[in-house]
Amino acid sequence: MSIKDILVHLDTGAACGERIDVALRLAAKYEARLIGLFVRSLPYVPHFVAAQIGPDIYETQKRVAEREEMAVRKDFLDRCAKAGRSGEWRCDEGDMIETVCLHSKYVDLVIIGQFNPDEDHREGEMAMADNVVMDAGRPVLVVPYAGTFPTVGEKVMVAWNASRESVRAVHDALPFLKTAKSVEVVAANPQDAEGVHGDIPCAAICSHLSRHGVSAVAKTVYADDMNVGAILLSRAADDSIDLLVTGAYGRSRLRELILGGVTRHLLGNMTVPVLMSH
């Protein structure tokens, strides 16, 4: 797989600019076409409210949406021009998650932002990452809402548990792994009751990656007092990792919502960009 086109979701959040810059750097690195997608939500006012306020509320919502679109479009195109790259602007209207997933089906990489609970948000934004990762069918790079990320993919950590999702994530990440300066494959608190890891966890997948020209180091970490998601983020910080690669939702989303899980922890607490595949 090679990265030929990248879709970045655009919104009015404070972190959108950094997300655009990350997308631009990756587009330059892989000589890929960059598409910026802004989804304009359909105005919605309950009938009982509209009856009291009148039809002007629809026009007001429409004007606000148009102003937001123009501001985001200008920022996207200005950043593209500053980086010396062309970018394709798209604005679509409809359900946010459905629209992003639709456009995602025709690109090699999707870039979205981590949900920021401290900002006002539009309908669909809270569940954006969950649904796009599960339904788009493409690798999804989730960029944290806090911080700046001048490099993405120079020092990569792959979270490995020998599941179908982690296998998919490794192969979706090959363009990043082949160009990385260092790659480590980490098994956190591995359990080998079913014999999936072998004598040395991560050794077999590192051997497989070597045949793709990726020099990866196998590592195993144990911490009885930490969940796997926390272990991965702690390790990423210790090793100055700038990209974490992981499979997403090995268990159902409902089960993770109720009981917690690695994907939920990473989406809520990420400190570095995370490439997720399902």
Protein backbone atom coordinates (compact mmCIF):
# COMPACT_ATOMS: atom_id res chain seq x y z
CA MET A 1 0.00 0.00 0.00
CA SER A 2 1.13 3.54 -0.72
CA ILE A 3 -0.48 6.79 0.35
CA LYS A 4 -1.73 8.66 -2.71
CA ASP A 5 -4.58 10.68 -1.23
CA ILE A 6 -5.30 11.96 2.26
CA LEU A 7 -8.59 13.24 3.65
CA VAL A 8 -8.51 15.59 6.64
CA HIS A 9 -11.70 16.47 8.47
CA LEU A 10 -12.01 20.20 9.14
CA ASP A 11 -14.05 21.92 11.80
CA THR A 12 -14.18 25.14 13.80
CA GLY A 13 -12.24 23.79 16.79
CA ALA A 14 -9.03 25.37 18.02
CA ALA A 15 -7.02 22.24 17.12
CA CYS A 16 -8.06 22.22 13.46
CA GLY A 17 -5.06 24.29 12.34
CA GLU A 18 -2.55 21.84 13.81
CA ARG A 19 -4.45 18.97 12.21
CA ILE A 20 -4.19 20.68 8.82
CA ASP A 21 -0.46 21.19 9.29
CA VAL A 22 0.01 17.51 10.18
CA ALA A 23 -1.93 16.55 7.05
CA LEU A 24 0.14 18.91 4.90
CA ARG A 25 3.43 17.48 6.17
CA LEU A 26 2.27 13.94 5.47
CA ALA A 27 0.98 14.91 2.02
CA ALA A 28 4.38 16.39 1.21
CA LYS A 29 6.23 13.37 2.60
CA TYR A 30 4.26 10.87 0.54
CA GLU A 31 3.54 13.16 -2.43
CA ALA A 32 -0.16 12.62 -1.84
CA ARG A 33 -3.18 14.67 -2.83
CA LEU A 34 -4.70 16.43 0.18
CA ILE A 35 -8.46 16.87 0.55
CA GLY A 36 -9.95 19.08 3.23
CA LEU A 37 -13.54 18.16 4.12
CA PHE A 38 -15.89 20.45 6.03
CA VAL A 39 -19.33 19.10 6.86
CA ARG A 40 -22.06 21.68 7.16
CA SER A 41 -24.78 20.36 9.42
CA LEU A 42 -28.37 20.72 8.35
CA PRO A 43 -30.15 23.40 10.42
CA TYR A 44 -32.45 21.84 12.96
CA VAL A 45 -35.03 23.56 15.13
CA PRO A 46 -37.82 21.63 16.87
CA HIS A 47 -41.23 22.49 15.46
CA PHE A 48 -42.55 23.78 18.75
CA VAL A 49 -39.59 26.19 18.96
CA ALA A 50 -39.94 27.31 15.34
CA ALA A 51 -43.63 27.98 15.88
CA GLN A 52 -42.81 30.41 18.69
CA ILE A 53 -39.77 32.08 17.14
CA GLY A 54 -40.70 32.07 13.48
CA PRO A 55 -38.88 31.10 10.26
CA ASP A 56 -36.07 33.61 10.79
CA ILE A 57 -34.27 31.11 13.01
CA TYR A 58 -33.54 28.93 9.97
CA GLU A 59 -32.01 31.82 8.08
CA THR A 60 -29.91 32.75 11.11
CA GLN A 61 -28.56 29.20 11.41
CA LYS A 62 -27.82 29.12 7.71
CA ARG A 63 -25.85 32.39 7.85
CA VAL A 64 -23.84 31.17 10.84
CA ALA A 65 -23.00 27.93 9.01
CA GLU A 66 -21.91 29.86 5.92
CA ARG A 67 -19.63 32.13 7.96
CA GLU A 68 -18.06 29.12 9.65
CA GLU A 69 -17.51 27.45 6.30
CA MET A 70 -15.84 30.53 4.81
CA ALA A 71 -13.51 30.92 7.81
CA VAL A 72 -12.43 27.27 7.77
CA ARG A 73 -11.99 27.30 3.99
CA LYS A 74 -9.76 30.38 4.15
CA ASP A 75 -7.62 28.87 6.91
CA PHE A 76 -7.22 25.60 5.01
CA LEU A 77 -6.27 27.21 1.72
CA ASP A 78 -3.98 29.76 3.41
CA ARG A 79 -2.09 26.98 5.20
CA CYS A 80 -1.82 25.02 1.94
CA ALA A 81 -0.40 28.09 0.18
CA LYS A 82 2.07 28.74 3.01
CA ALA A 83 3.27 25.14 2.79
CA GLY A 84 3.63 25.42 -0.98
CA ARG A 85 1.10 22.69 -1.69
CA SER A 86 -2.27 22.60 -3.37
CA GLY A 87 -5.24 21.29 -1.43
CA GLU A 88 -8.69 20.30 -2.59
CA TRP A 89 -11.48 21.97 -0.61
CA ARG A 90 -14.72 20.09 -0.13
CA CYS A 91 -17.85 21.18 1.69
CA ASP A 92 -20.70 18.73 2.03
CA GLU A 93 -23.95 18.94 3.91
CA GLY A 94 -25.62 16.27 6.01
CA ASP A 95 -25.00 13.97 8.94
CA MET A 96 -21.40 14.53 10.02
CA ILE A 97 -20.35 10.93 10.65
CA GLU A 98 -22.09 9.51 7.59
CA THR A 99 -20.59 12.21 5.38
CA VAL A 100 -17.04 11.74 6.67
CA CYS A 101 -17.31 7.96 6.27
CA LEU A 102 -18.62 8.35 2.72
CA HIS A 103 -15.73 10.55 1.62
CA SER A 104 -13.25 8.33 3.49
CA LYS A 105 -13.96 5.33 1.29
CA TYR A 106 -12.07 6.86 -1.64
CA VAL A 107 -8.75 7.81 0.00
CA ASP A 108 -5.78 5.96 1.50
CA LEU A 109 -5.63 7.78 4.84
CA VAL A 110 -8.18 9.67 6.94
CA ILE A 111 -7.12 12.29 9.50
CA ILE A 112 -9.53 13.39 12.20
CA GLY A 113 -9.22 15.14 15.55
CA GLN A 114 -9.58 13.80 19.06
CA PHE A 115 -12.81 14.95 20.67
CA ASN A 116 -12.26 17.93 22.97
CA PRO A 117 -14.81 17.86 25.82
CA ASP A 118 -13.97 21.44 26.80
CA GLU A 119 -15.19 22.97 23.52
CA ASP A 120 -18.69 23.52 22.23
CA HIS A 121 -19.36 20.70 19.82
CA ARG A 122 -21.75 19.91 17.03
CA GLU A 123 -23.92 16.83 16.78
CA GLY A 124 -21.81 13.80 15.89
CA GLU A 125 -18.43 15.14 17.00
CA MET A 126 -18.36 13.23 20.29
CA ALA A 127 -18.69 9.88 18.49
CA MET A 128 -16.67 10.86 15.41
CA ALA A 129 -13.52 8.82 16.08
CA ASP A 130 -15.41 5.71 17.19
CA ASN A 131 -17.61 5.60 14.13
CA VAL A 132 -15.08 6.59 11.49
CA VAL A 133 -12.56 4.01 12.74
CA MET A 134 -15.24 1.32 12.69
CA ASP A 135 -17.12 2.21 9.52
CA ALA A 136 -14.80 3.99 7.06
CA GLY A 137 -12.80 0.89 6.13
CA ARG A 138 -9.61 2.95 5.96
CA PRO A 139 -6.75 3.61 8.39
CA VAL A 140 -7.59 6.61 10.56
CA LEU A 141 -5.01 8.94 12.07
CA VAL A 142 -6.42 10.61 15.18
CA VAL A 143 -4.59 13.81 16.16
CA PRO A 144 -4.78 14.96 19.81
CA TYR A 145 -6.52 18.25 20.51
CA ALA A 146 -3.66 19.38 22.76
CA GLY A 147 -0.09 19.90 21.61
CA THR A 148 1.84 20.39 18.39
CA PHE A 149 3.27 17.60 16.29
CA PRO A 150 6.11 18.73 14.03
CA THR A 151 6.92 15.11 13.15
CA VAL A 152 4.59 12.17 12.74
CA GLY A 153 6.03 8.78 11.88
CA GLU A 154 9.75 9.21 12.54
CA LYS A 155 9.67 7.21 15.77
CA VAL A 156 6.85 4.67 15.62
CA MET A 157 5.51 2.30 18.23
CA VAL A 158 3.24 -0.55 17.16
CA ALA A 159 0.92 -2.02 19.79
CA TRP A 160 0.80 -5.76 19.13
CA ASN A 161 -1.48 -8.41 20.59
CA ALA A 162 -1.71 -10.79 17.60
CA SER A 163 -5.39 -9.97 17.05
CA ARG A 164 -7.03 -9.49 13.66
CA GLU A 165 -7.22 -5.77 14.34
CA SER A 166 -3.52 -5.46 15.15
CA VAL A 167 -2.60 -7.41 12.01
CA ARG A 168 -4.71 -5.01 9.97
CA ALA A 169 -3.13 -2.01 11.69
CA VAL A 170 0.43 -3.20 10.98
CA HIS A 171 -0.24 -3.61 7.28
CA ASP A 172 -2.17 -0.34 7.01
CA ALA A 173 0.81 1.37 8.65
CA LEU A 174 3.45 -0.03 6.28
CA PRO A 175 3.99 3.30 4.45
CA PHE A 176 4.83 4.89 7.83
CA LEU A 177 6.92 1.94 9.02
CA LYS A 178 9.02 1.84 5.85
CA THR A 179 9.97 5.52 6.16
CA ALA A 180 10.39 5.65 9.96
CA LYS A 181 13.77 6.20 11.58
CA SER A 182 12.90 3.67 14.29
CA VAL A 183 10.11 1.16 14.88
CA GLU A 184 9.37 -0.77 18.04
CA VAL A 185 6.68 -3.41 18.35
CA VAL A 186 5.37 -3.64 21.89
CA ALA A 187 3.37 -6.34 23.60
CA ALA A 188 1.88 -4.97 26.82
CA ASN A 189 1.01 -7.51 29.51
CA PRO A 190 0.86 -10.32 26.93
CA GLN A 191 -1.09 -13.45 27.77
CA ASP A 192 -0.37 -16.51 25.67
CA ALA A 193 -3.07 -18.88 26.82
CA GLU A 194 -4.00 -19.62 23.21
CA GLY A 195 -0.43 -19.75 21.95
CA VAL A 196 -0.80 -16.66 19.77
CA HIS A 197 2.43 -14.94 20.80
CA GLY A 198 4.97 -17.73 20.58
CA ASP A 199 8.07 -18.06 22.72
CA ILE A 200 9.03 -14.39 22.26
CA PRO A 201 6.10 -11.96 21.89
CA CYS A 202 6.43 -9.72 18.78
CA ALA A 203 9.38 -11.70 17.36
CA ALA A 204 7.36 -13.25 14.53
CA ILE A 205 5.75 -9.98 13.42
CA CYS A 206 9.14 -8.22 13.52
CA SER A 207 10.56 -10.97 11.32
CA HIS A 208 7.66 -10.50 8.91
CA LEU A 209 8.22 -6.73 8.84
CA SER A 210 11.91 -7.25 8.05
CA ARG A 211 10.89 -8.86 4.76
CA HIS A 212 9.13 -5.59 3.96
CA GLY A 213 12.31 -3.64 4.63
CA VAL A 214 11.27 -2.53 8.13
CA SER A 215 13.84 -2.92 10.89
CA ALA A 216 11.67 -3.30 13.99
CA VAL A 217 12.64 -4.08 17.57
CA ALA A 218 10.45 -6.43 19.63
CA LYS A 219 9.70 -5.33 23.18
CA THR A 220 7.54 -6.68 25.98
CA VAL A 221 6.37 -4.60 28.93
CA TYR A 222 4.57 -5.64 32.10
CA ALA A 223 2.79 -3.50 34.64
CA ASP A 224 0.25 -5.21 36.87
CA ASP A 225 -1.06 -1.93 38.25
CA MET A 226 -1.78 -0.28 34.86
CA ASN A 227 -4.17 -1.02 32.03
CA VAL A 228 -2.74 -1.66 28.57
CA GLY A 229 -3.74 1.76 27.20
CA ALA A 230 -1.93 3.55 30.02
CA ILE A 231 1.13 1.34 29.54
CA LEU A 232 1.30 2.20 25.85
CA LEU A 233 1.00 5.95 26.41
CA SER A 234 3.59 5.84 29.20
CA ARG A 235 5.98 3.92 26.98
CA ALA A 236 5.36 6.32 24.10
CA ALA A 237 6.28 9.26 26.33
CA ASP A 238 9.42 7.55 27.66
CA ASP A 239 10.67 6.73 24.15
CA SER A 240 9.68 10.06 22.52
CA ILE A 241 7.35 8.24 20.14
CA ASP A 242 5.62 10.48 17.58
CA LEU A 243 3.19 7.89 16.18
CA LEU A 244 1.37 5.02 17.87
CA VAL A 245 -0.10 2.30 15.66
CA THR A 246 -2.84 0.08 17.04
CA GLY A 247 -5.80 -2.05 16.13
CA ALA A 248 -9.11 -0.66 17.33
CA TYR A 249 -12.01 -2.28 19.13
CA GLY A 250 -11.02 -5.91 19.44
CA ARG A 251 -14.09 -6.07 21.68
CA SER A 252 -17.43 -4.48 20.86
CA ARG A 253 -17.79 -0.73 21.32
CA LEU A 254 -20.61 -1.30 23.81
CA ARG A 255 -18.45 -3.63 25.90
CA GLU A 256 -15.60 -1.11 25.90
CA LEU A 257 -18.00 1.71 26.75
CA ILE A 258 -19.23 -0.20 29.79
CA LEU A 259 -16.05 -1.97 30.92
CA GLY A 260 -13.37 0.25 29.42
CA GLY A 261 -10.67 -0.90 27.02
CA VAL A 262 -7.51 0.04 25.19
CA THR A 263 -9.25 1.90 22.37
CA ARG A 264 -11.43 3.92 24.72
CA HIS A 265 -8.43 4.80 26.88
CA LEU A 266 -6.33 5.92 23.91
CA LEU A 267 -9.11 8.02 22.40
CA GLY A 268 -9.68 9.75 25.71
CA ASN A 269 -6.08 10.22 26.83
CA MET A 270 -3.85 10.26 23.75
CA THR A 271 -0.75 12.45 23.84
CA VAL A 272 0.61 11.54 20.40
CA PRO A 273 -1.14 10.93 17.07
CA VAL A 274 -2.58 7.41 16.90
CA LEU A 275 -3.09 5.44 13.69
CA MET A 276 -6.05 3.09 14.17
CA SER A 277 -7.43 0.28 12.04
CA HIS A 278 -10.32 -2.09 12.59
